[in-house]
C-alpha atoms as a PDB file:
ATOM      1  CA  MET A   1     -45.990  45.204  15.899  1.00  0.00           C
ATOM      2  CA  THR A   2     -45.582  43.715  12.450  1.00  0.00           C
ATOM      3  CA  ASP A   3     -42.235  45.297  11.560  1.00  0.00           C
ATOM      4  CA  LYS A   4     -39.478  42.737  12.102  1.00  0.00           C
ATOM      5  CA  HIS A   5     -36.622  45.140  11.427  1.00  0.00           C
ATOM      6  CA  ILE A   6     -35.037  47.562  13.879  1.00  0.00           C
ATOM      7  CA  ASP A   7     -33.734  50.706  12.197  1.00  0.00           C
ATOM      8  CA  GLY A   8     -29.981  51.042  12.476  1.00  0.00           C
ATOM      9  CA  PHE A   9     -29.295  47.480  13.616  1.00  0.00           C
ATOM     10  CA  GLU A  10     -27.072  46.718  10.626  1.00  0.00           C
ATOM     11  CA  ASP A  11     -25.147  49.972  11.124  1.00  0.00           C
ATOM     12  CA  ARG A  12     -24.507  49.234  14.799  1.00  0.00           C
ATOM     13  CA  LEU A  13     -23.505  45.658  13.956  1.00  0.00           C
ATOM     14  CA  GLN A  14     -21.056  46.850  11.289  1.00  0.00           C
ATOM     15  CA  LYS A  15     -19.659  49.478  13.665  1.00  0.00           C
ATOM     16  CA  ALA A  16     -19.078  46.908  16.416  1.00  0.00           C
ATOM     17  CA  ILE A  17     -17.441  44.460  14.000  1.00  0.00           C
ATOM     18  CA  GLY A  18     -15.200  47.237  12.655  1.00  0.00           C
ATOM     19  CA  ALA A  19     -14.235  48.313  16.172  1.00  0.00           C
ATOM     20  CA  MET A  20     -13.050  44.756  16.863  1.00  0.00           C
ATOM     21  CA  ASP A  21     -11.121  44.787  13.543  1.00  0.00           C
ATOM     22  CA  MET A  22     -12.769  41.530  12.520  1.00  0.00           C
ATOM     23  CA  THR A  23     -14.103  40.279   9.212  1.00  0.00           C
ATOM     24  CA  TYR A  24     -17.632  38.990   8.801  1.00  0.00           C
ATOM     25  CA  SER A  25     -16.156  35.534   8.215  1.00  0.00           C
ATOM     26  CA  GLU A  26     -14.321  35.677  11.551  1.00  0.00           C
ATOM     27  CA  VAL A  27     -17.499  36.717  13.334  1.00  0.00           C
ATOM     28  CA  CYS A  28     -19.359  33.832  11.720  1.00  0.00           C
ATOM     29  CA  ARG A  29     -16.668  31.332  12.642  1.00  0.00           C
ATOM     30  CA  LYS A  30     -16.422  32.510  16.249  1.00  0.00           C
ATOM     31  CA  THR A  31     -20.176  32.696  16.843  1.00  0.00           C
ATOM     32  CA  GLY A  32     -21.369  29.757  14.770  1.00  0.00           C
ATOM     33  CA  ILE A  33     -23.654  32.075  12.806  1.00  0.00           C
ATOM     34  CA  GLY A  34     -23.921  31.109   9.149  1.00  0.00           C
ATOM     35  CA  GLN A  35     -22.551  33.446   6.512  1.00  0.00           C
ATOM     36  CA  SER A  36     -25.962  33.617   4.829  1.00  0.00           C
ATOM     37  CA  CYS A  37     -27.468  34.827   8.119  1.00  0.00           C
ATOM     38  CA  MET A  38     -24.721  37.412   8.572  1.00  0.00           C
ATOM     39  CA  ASN A  39     -25.266  38.581   4.997  1.00  0.00           C
ATOM     40  CA  GLY A  40     -28.959  38.932   5.779  1.00  0.00           C
ATOM     41  CA  TYR A  41     -28.240  40.978   8.912  1.00  0.00           C
ATOM     42  CA  ILE A  42     -25.878  43.339   7.094  1.00  0.00           C
ATOM     43  CA  ASN A  43     -27.505  43.657   3.678  1.00  0.00           C
ATOM     44  CA  TYR A  44     -31.172  42.693   3.851  1.00  0.00           C
ATOM     45  CA  GLY A  45     -32.537  43.985   7.147  1.00  0.00           C
ATOM     46  CA  MET A  46     -32.888  40.578   8.724  1.00  0.00           C
ATOM     47  CA  MET A  47     -32.811  40.407  12.508  1.00  0.00           C
ATOM     48  CA  PRO A  48     -30.978  37.719  14.487  1.00  0.00           C
ATOM     49  CA  ASN A  49     -32.812  35.358  16.768  1.00  0.00           C
ATOM     50  CA  CYS A  50     -32.228  35.796  20.508  1.00  0.00           C
ATOM     51  CA  LEU A  51     -29.390  33.268  20.690  1.00  0.00           C
ATOM     52  CA  ASN A  52     -27.486  34.853  17.804  1.00  0.00           C
ATOM     53  CA  LEU A  53     -28.052  38.329  19.224  1.00  0.00           C
ATOM     54  CA  VAL A  54     -26.439  37.228  22.491  1.00  0.00           C
ATOM     55  CA  ARG A  55     -23.572  35.514  20.653  1.00  0.00           C
ATOM     56  CA  LEU A  56     -22.872  38.694  18.685  1.00  0.00           C
ATOM     57  CA  SER A  57     -23.002  40.950  21.722  1.00  0.00           C
ATOM     58  CA  LYS A  58     -20.631  38.741  23.725  1.00  0.00           C
ATOM     59  CA  LEU A  59     -18.105  38.434  20.906  1.00  0.00           C
ATOM     60  CA  LEU A  60     -18.220  42.118  20.012  1.00  0.00           C
ATOM     61  CA  GLY A  61     -18.155  43.424  23.580  1.00  0.00           C
ATOM     62  CA  VAL A  62     -21.406  45.368  23.331  1.00  0.00           C
ATOM     63  CA  THR A  63     -24.763  44.907  24.970  1.00  0.00           C
ATOM     64  CA  THR A  64     -27.769  43.474  23.225  1.00  0.00           C
ATOM     65  CA  ASP A  65     -29.571  46.714  24.076  1.00  0.00           C
ATOM     66  CA  TRP A  66     -26.920  48.700  22.207  1.00  0.00           C
ATOM     67  CA  LEU A  67     -27.147  46.449  19.137  1.00  0.00           C
ATOM     68  CA  LEU A  68     -30.917  46.923  19.201  1.00  0.00           C
ATOM     69  CA  GLY A  69     -30.629  50.696  19.575  1.00  0.00           C
ATOM     70  CA  LEU A  70     -32.068  50.793  23.081  1.00  0.00           C
ATOM     71  CA  GLU A  71     -29.073  52.484  24.689  1.00  0.00           C
ATOM     72  CA  GLY A  72     -26.562  55.147  23.630  1.00  0.00           C
ATOM     73  CA  GLU A  73     -23.211  54.964  21.916  1.00  0.00           C
ATOM     74  CA  VAL A  74     -20.462  52.665  23.129  1.00  0.00           C
END
C-alpha cells in the first residue's frame, strides 16, 4: 500500500479535540507533539507516527482504532 493517508483521520482528530474543548496548542503542549506536526495532521493529510497516535488517543479519550477509522463513532 503506497497511500500514507487514511481518509477521515483529520476529521476524527478535529472532532475528538473539539469534544474535549481543547485548542490545538493545548493538545501539542500536553502530548509533546510539535505544532508543525499538528498542522500537518489537520491541514495537509499527514499521519502521526505510532507514538504520537497513542499520545493523541490517550489525551483525547478515544481509541487509536477510532482515530484511524477502524471502529464506529464514539
